[in-house]
């Protein structure tokens, strides 16, 4: 099995969404983070898709900044991209064609 292969169900069962949400809660206004980086910072490298699934299950009224998570190229890929775009722009992030300049807005915690 290569390192890029899908893990077994047993390995997947050990994933803790709360760890991901704790990192998400730290992403400041005016910044974005890629799904893969969010997962890596939560201790789950290579789990970008899993991070996306976790975020897709958040309730619509959540106070967590789900709108600050984009793909590695800076594209808003969530089904609520129109809402995410609006919220990001309110925070000072420029969004053009559902894309954010990662070099300018990517969160880099110290």
C-alpha atoms as a PDB file:
ATOM      1  CA  UNK A   1       0.000   0.000   0.000  1.00  0.00           C
ATOM      2  CA  UNK A   2       1.485   3.349  -0.996  1.00  0.00           C
ATOM      3  CA  UNK A   3       1.538   6.316   1.354  1.00  0.00           C
ATOM      4  CA  UNK A   4      -1.130   7.979  -0.830  1.00  0.00           C
ATOM      5  CA  UNK A   5      -3.557   5.056  -0.536  1.00  0.00           C
ATOM      6  CA  UNK A   6      -6.842   5.372   1.288  1.00  0.00           C
ATOM      7  CA  UNK A   7      -6.522   4.176   4.899  1.00  0.00           C
ATOM      8  CA  UNK A   8      -8.577   1.335   6.307  1.00  0.00           C
ATOM      9  CA  UNK A   9     -11.878   2.013   8.059  1.00  0.00           C
ATOM     10  CA  UNK A  10     -10.158   1.324  11.374  1.00  0.00           C
ATOM     11  CA  UNK A  11      -7.651   4.118  10.724  1.00  0.00           C
ATOM     12  CA  UNK A  12     -10.428   6.464   9.670  1.00  0.00           C
ATOM     13  CA  UNK A  13     -12.356   5.750  12.864  1.00  0.00           C
ATOM     14  CA  UNK A  14      -9.547   7.352  14.895  1.00  0.00           C
ATOM     15  CA  UNK A  15      -9.943  10.756  13.255  1.00  0.00           C
ATOM     16  CA  UNK A  16     -11.140  13.381  15.729  1.00  0.00           C
ATOM     17  CA  UNK A  17     -13.130  16.200  14.104  1.00  0.00           C
ATOM     18  CA  UNK A  18     -12.824  18.295  17.265  1.00  0.00           C
ATOM     19  CA  UNK A  19      -9.075  18.684  16.691  1.00  0.00           C
ATOM     20  CA  UNK A  20      -9.813  20.055  13.238  1.00  0.00           C
ATOM     21  CA  UNK A  21     -12.439  22.450  14.567  1.00  0.00           C
ATOM     22  CA  UNK A  22     -10.068  23.768  17.241  1.00  0.00           C
ATOM     23  CA  UNK A  23      -7.558  24.729  14.542  1.00  0.00           C
ATOM     24  CA  UNK A  24     -10.338  26.205  12.404  1.00  0.00           C
ATOM     25  CA  UNK A  25     -11.446  28.395  15.310  1.00  0.00           C
ATOM     26  CA  UNK A  26      -7.962  29.958  15.395  1.00  0.00           C
ATOM     27  CA  UNK A  27      -7.946  31.163  11.762  1.00  0.00           C
ATOM     28  CA  UNK A  28      -8.153  34.952  12.096  1.00  0.00           C
ATOM     29  CA  UNK A  29     -10.396  37.329  10.191  1.00  0.00           C
ATOM     30  CA  UNK A  30      -8.847  38.421   6.916  1.00  0.00           C
ATOM     31  CA  UNK A  31      -7.000  35.117   6.460  1.00  0.00           C
ATOM     32  CA  UNK A  32      -7.698  31.796   4.751  1.00  0.00           C
ATOM     33  CA  UNK A  33      -6.341  28.288   5.103  1.00  0.00           C
ATOM     34  CA  UNK A  34      -6.322  25.361   2.673  1.00  0.00           C
ATOM     35  CA  UNK A  35      -8.192  22.181   3.570  1.00  0.00           C
ATOM     36  CA  UNK A  36      -4.944  20.185   3.538  1.00  0.00           C
ATOM     37  CA  UNK A  37      -3.112  22.643   5.753  1.00  0.00           C
ATOM     38  CA  UNK A  38      -6.023  22.702   8.189  1.00  0.00           C
ATOM     39  CA  UNK A  39      -5.919  18.916   8.393  1.00  0.00           C
ATOM     40  CA  UNK A  40      -2.110  18.881   8.756  1.00  0.00           C
ATOM     41  CA  UNK A  41      -2.213  21.418  11.590  1.00  0.00           C
ATOM     42  CA  UNK A  42      -4.837  19.287  13.345  1.00  0.00           C
ATOM     43  CA  UNK A  43      -2.469  16.314  13.146  1.00  0.00           C
ATOM     44  CA  UNK A  44      -3.924  14.655  10.056  1.00  0.00           C
ATOM     45  CA  UNK A  45      -1.576  15.251   7.110  1.00  0.00           C
ATOM     46  CA  UNK A  46      -2.965  14.160   3.759  1.00  0.00           C
ATOM     47  CA  UNK A  47      -6.571  14.430   4.957  1.00  0.00           C
ATOM     48  CA  UNK A  48      -7.838  17.444   2.993  1.00  0.00           C
ATOM     49  CA  UNK A  49     -10.951  15.609   1.792  1.00  0.00           C
ATOM     50  CA  UNK A  50     -11.757  14.458   5.293  1.00  0.00           C
ATOM     51  CA  UNK A  51     -11.450  18.074   6.472  1.00  0.00           C
ATOM     52  CA  UNK A  52     -13.910  19.093   3.757  1.00  0.00           C
ATOM     53  CA  UNK A  53     -16.375  16.442   4.870  1.00  0.00           C
ATOM     54  CA  UNK A  54     -16.142  17.595   8.477  1.00  0.00           C
ATOM     55  CA  UNK A  55     -16.820  21.201   7.465  1.00  0.00           C
ATOM     56  CA  UNK A  56     -19.691  20.193   5.196  1.00  0.00           C
ATOM     57  CA  UNK A  57     -21.464  18.721   8.224  1.00  0.00           C
ATOM     58  CA  UNK A  58     -21.349  21.894  10.297  1.00  0.00           C
ATOM     59  CA  UNK A  59     -24.770  23.345  11.074  1.00  0.00           C
ATOM     60  CA  UNK A  60     -25.707  26.391   9.012  1.00  0.00           C
ATOM     61  CA  UNK A  61     -25.741  28.664  12.057  1.00  0.00           C
ATOM     62  CA  UNK A  62     -22.274  27.732  13.319  1.00  0.00           C
ATOM     63  CA  UNK A  63     -20.007  30.464  14.629  1.00  0.00           C
ATOM     64  CA  UNK A  64     -16.936  28.628  13.307  1.00  0.00           C
ATOM     65  CA  UNK A  65     -15.249  30.406  10.371  1.00  0.00           C
ATOM     66  CA  UNK A  66     -15.831  27.678   7.771  1.00  0.00           C
ATOM     67  CA  UNK A  67     -15.774  30.348   5.059  1.00  0.00           C
ATOM     68  CA  UNK A  68     -12.030  30.854   5.632  1.00  0.00           C
ATOM     69  CA  UNK A  69     -11.185  27.403   4.250  1.00  0.00           C
ATOM     70  CA  UNK A  70     -10.337  27.114   0.552  1.00  0.00           C
ATOM     71  CA  UNK A  71      -8.624  24.580  -1.667  1.00  0.00           C
ATOM     72  CA  UNK A  72      -4.838  24.665  -2.137  1.00  0.00           C
ATOM     73  CA  UNK A  73      -5.215  26.961  -5.141  1.00  0.00           C
ATOM     74  CA  UNK A  74      -7.295  29.461  -3.184  1.00  0.00           C
ATOM     75  CA  UNK A  75     -10.603  28.475  -4.784  1.00  0.00           C
ATOM     76  CA  UNK A  76     -13.831  28.562  -2.777  1.00  0.00           C
ATOM     77  CA  UNK A  77     -15.106  25.040  -3.345  1.00  0.00           C
ATOM     78  CA  UNK A  78     -17.882  24.745  -0.792  1.00  0.00           C
ATOM     79  CA  UNK A  79     -21.536  24.598  -1.879  1.00  0.00           C
ATOM     80  CA  UNK A  80     -22.095  27.915  -0.085  1.00  0.00           C
ATOM     81  CA  UNK A  81     -19.313  29.721  -1.979  1.00  0.00           C
ATOM     82  CA  UNK A  82     -21.485  32.788  -2.502  1.00  0.00           C
ATOM     83  CA  UNK A  83     -21.890  33.184   1.260  1.00  0.00           C
ATOM     84  CA  UNK A  84     -18.206  32.417   1.867  1.00  0.00           C
ATOM     85  CA  UNK A  85     -17.195  35.019  -0.712  1.00  0.00           C
ATOM     86  CA  UNK A  86     -19.390  37.669   0.876  1.00  0.00           C
ATOM     87  CA  UNK A  87     -18.080  36.948   4.370  1.00  0.00           C
ATOM     88  CA  UNK A  88     -14.450  36.961   3.232  1.00  0.00           C
ATOM     89  CA  UNK A  89     -14.910  40.274   1.457  1.00  0.00           C
ATOM     90  CA  UNK A  90     -16.475  41.733   4.614  1.00  0.00           C
ATOM     91  CA  UNK A  91     -13.257  40.695   6.409  1.00  0.00           C
ATOM     92  CA  UNK A  92     -11.082  42.462   3.842  1.00  0.00           C
ATOM     93  CA  UNK A  93     -10.172  39.457   1.679  1.00  0.00           C
ATOM     94  CA  UNK A  94     -10.357  40.102  -2.054  1.00  0.00           C
ATOM     95  CA  UNK A  95     -12.230  37.333  -3.894  1.00  0.00           C
ATOM     96  CA  UNK A  96     -12.165  37.251  -7.696  1.00  0.00           C
ATOM     97  CA  UNK A  97     -13.996  34.506  -9.584  1.00  0.00           C
ATOM     98  CA  UNK A  98     -14.342  32.546  -6.341  1.00  0.00           C
ATOM     99  CA  UNK A  99     -10.549  32.623  -5.876  1.00  0.00           C
ATOM    100  CA  UNK A 100      -8.384  34.127  -3.135  1.00  0.00           C
ATOM    101  CA  UNK A 101      -4.709  35.054  -3.539  1.00  0.00           C
ATOM    102  CA  UNK A 102      -3.115  32.514  -1.196  1.00  0.00           C
ATOM    103  CA  UNK A 103       0.192  34.363  -1.177  1.00  0.00           C
ATOM    104  CA  UNK A 104      -1.542  37.395   0.250  1.00  0.00           C
ATOM    105  CA  UNK A 105      -4.189  35.936   2.545  1.00  0.00           C
ATOM    106  CA  UNK A 106      -2.958  32.501   3.648  1.00  0.00           C
ATOM    107  CA  UNK A 107      -2.819  32.163   7.420  1.00  0.00           C
ATOM    108  CA  UNK A 108       0.685  31.516   8.682  1.00  0.00           C
ATOM    109  CA  UNK A 109       0.550  31.099  12.464  1.00  0.00           C
ATOM    110  CA  UNK A 110       3.700  32.088  14.310  1.00  0.00           C
END
